[in-house]
Protein backbone atom coordinates (compact mmCIF):
# COMPACT_ATOMS: atom_id res chain seq x y z
CA MET A 1 48.33 7.04 -22.19
CA SER A 2 48.20 6.66 -18.50
CA GLU A 3 45.03 5.34 -17.06
CA GLU A 4 44.31 5.07 -13.41
CA PHE A 5 43.50 1.50 -12.50
CA PRO A 6 40.93 0.96 -9.77
CA THR A 7 42.23 -0.82 -6.71
CA PRO A 8 40.67 -4.16 -5.88
CA GLN A 9 38.00 -4.11 -3.20
CA LEU A 10 40.08 -6.21 -0.81
CA ILE A 11 42.90 -3.66 -0.81
CA ASP A 12 40.40 -0.90 -0.07
CA ASP A 13 39.01 -3.00 2.78
CA LEU A 14 42.48 -3.52 4.23
CA GLU A 15 43.10 0.21 4.27
CA GLU A 16 39.81 0.85 6.09
CA HIS A 17 40.42 -1.65 8.89
CA PRO A 18 41.89 -0.37 12.13
CA GLN A 19 45.37 -1.40 13.14
CA HIS A 20 45.71 -4.92 14.47
CA ASN A 21 45.71 -5.39 18.18
CA ASN A 22 49.00 -7.17 18.87
CA ALA A 23 47.89 -8.35 22.30
CA ARG A 24 44.90 -10.08 20.71
CA VAL A 25 47.12 -11.79 18.14
CA VAL A 26 49.48 -13.03 20.87
CA LYS A 27 46.50 -14.35 22.86
CA ASP A 28 45.20 -16.19 19.80
CA LEU A 29 48.59 -17.75 19.06
CA LEU A 30 49.08 -18.82 22.67
CA ALA A 31 45.58 -20.30 22.79
CA GLY A 32 46.33 -22.24 19.62
CA THR A 33 49.61 -23.47 21.06
CA ALA A 34 47.89 -24.64 24.24
CA GLY A 35 45.26 -26.43 22.17
CA GLY A 36 47.90 -28.14 20.05
CA ILE A 37 49.85 -29.27 23.10
CA ALA A 38 46.69 -30.62 24.71
CA GLN A 39 45.84 -32.44 21.48
CA VAL A 40 49.22 -34.18 21.45
CA LEU A 41 49.20 -35.05 25.15
CA VAL A 42 45.73 -36.58 24.92
CA GLY A 43 46.30 -38.41 21.66
CA GLN A 44 49.87 -39.66 22.13
CA PRO A 45 48.98 -42.81 24.13
CA PHE A 46 46.59 -43.85 21.36
CA ASP A 47 49.21 -43.16 18.71
CA THR A 48 51.86 -45.12 20.61
CA THR A 49 49.47 -48.05 20.95
CA LYS A 50 48.62 -47.90 17.25
CA VAL A 51 52.28 -47.86 16.22
CA ARG A 52 53.10 -50.78 18.51
CA LEU A 53 50.23 -52.73 16.95
CA GLN A 54 51.48 -51.92 13.46
CA VAL A 55 55.06 -53.03 14.07
CA SER A 56 54.15 -56.15 16.04
CA SER A 57 55.20 -59.36 14.34
CA THR A 58 52.53 -61.39 16.12
CA PRO A 59 48.83 -60.53 16.05
CA LYS A 60 47.82 -58.76 19.25
CA THR A 61 44.90 -56.75 20.50
CA ALA A 62 45.19 -53.15 21.60
CA MET A 63 44.57 -54.17 25.21
CA GLU A 64 47.45 -56.65 25.09
CA VAL A 65 49.74 -53.93 23.79
CA VAL A 66 48.61 -51.50 26.50
CA LYS A 67 49.08 -54.07 29.28
CA LYS A 68 52.54 -55.05 28.03
CA LEU A 69 53.57 -51.41 27.64
CA LEU A 70 52.43 -50.55 31.16
CA ALA A 71 54.13 -53.62 32.62
CA ASN A 72 57.46 -53.08 30.83
CA GLU A 73 57.76 -49.30 30.58
CA GLY A 74 55.16 -47.81 32.89
CA PRO A 75 52.86 -44.90 32.02
CA ARG A 76 55.77 -42.85 30.67
CA GLY A 77 56.17 -45.42 27.90
CA PHE A 78 53.09 -43.99 26.20
CA TYR A 79 54.87 -40.67 25.77
CA LYS A 80 58.13 -41.83 24.19
CA GLY A 81 58.89 -39.67 21.18
CA THR A 82 56.40 -36.98 22.14
CA LEU A 83 58.69 -33.95 21.84
CA THR A 84 58.68 -33.72 18.05
CA PRO A 85 54.89 -33.91 17.62
CA LEU A 86 54.50 -31.57 20.58
CA ILE A 87 56.55 -28.87 18.87
CA GLY A 88 55.20 -29.48 15.37
CA VAL A 89 51.52 -29.77 16.21
CA GLY A 90 51.73 -26.96 18.76
CA ALA A 91 53.15 -24.61 16.14
CA CYS A 92 50.75 -25.76 13.42
CA VAL A 93 47.61 -25.43 15.54
CA SER A 94 48.87 -22.09 16.82
CA LEU A 95 49.06 -20.73 13.28
CA GLN A 96 45.73 -22.26 12.30
CA PHE A 97 44.01 -20.76 15.32
CA GLY A 98 45.67 -17.37 14.88
CA VAL A 99 44.78 -17.11 11.19
CA ASN A 100 41.24 -18.36 11.80
CA GLU A 101 40.62 -15.74 14.48
CA ALA A 102 42.18 -12.99 12.36
CA MET A 103 39.97 -13.91 9.40
CA LYS A 104 36.88 -14.01 11.62
CA ARG A 105 37.66 -10.50 12.82
CA PHE A 106 38.45 -9.30 9.30
CA PHE A 107 35.27 -10.65 7.72
CA SER A 108 32.91 -10.04 10.64
CA PRO A 109 29.83 -7.92 9.89
CA ALA A 110 30.85 -5.47 12.63
CA GLN A 111 33.88 -4.50 10.52
CA ARG A 112 31.68 -3.75 7.49
CA LYS A 113 29.92 -0.71 8.96
């Protein structure tokens, strides 16, 4: 006996959607990458300060750590070790943003007409 199985609704929906706009996907991924890079560049000085506080053998305040870091290493000292988080977070946020935008387009009421 061969019965025809109904296809799940999601598969039917995928077949009804128009082809993806590749330019839009690239824009979304680039916007996510820019957001991730900005996130790292803004947050890295705070992270560096936090790590220096955590590894300090003597109790210090955050302001003491910042003053010592600026005096000894200058402003660039806040960004030591930034490359790895820059790449990782940039890629991660890029994917999150791209998938979020794709799902918003897929599930938007305008697509359900």
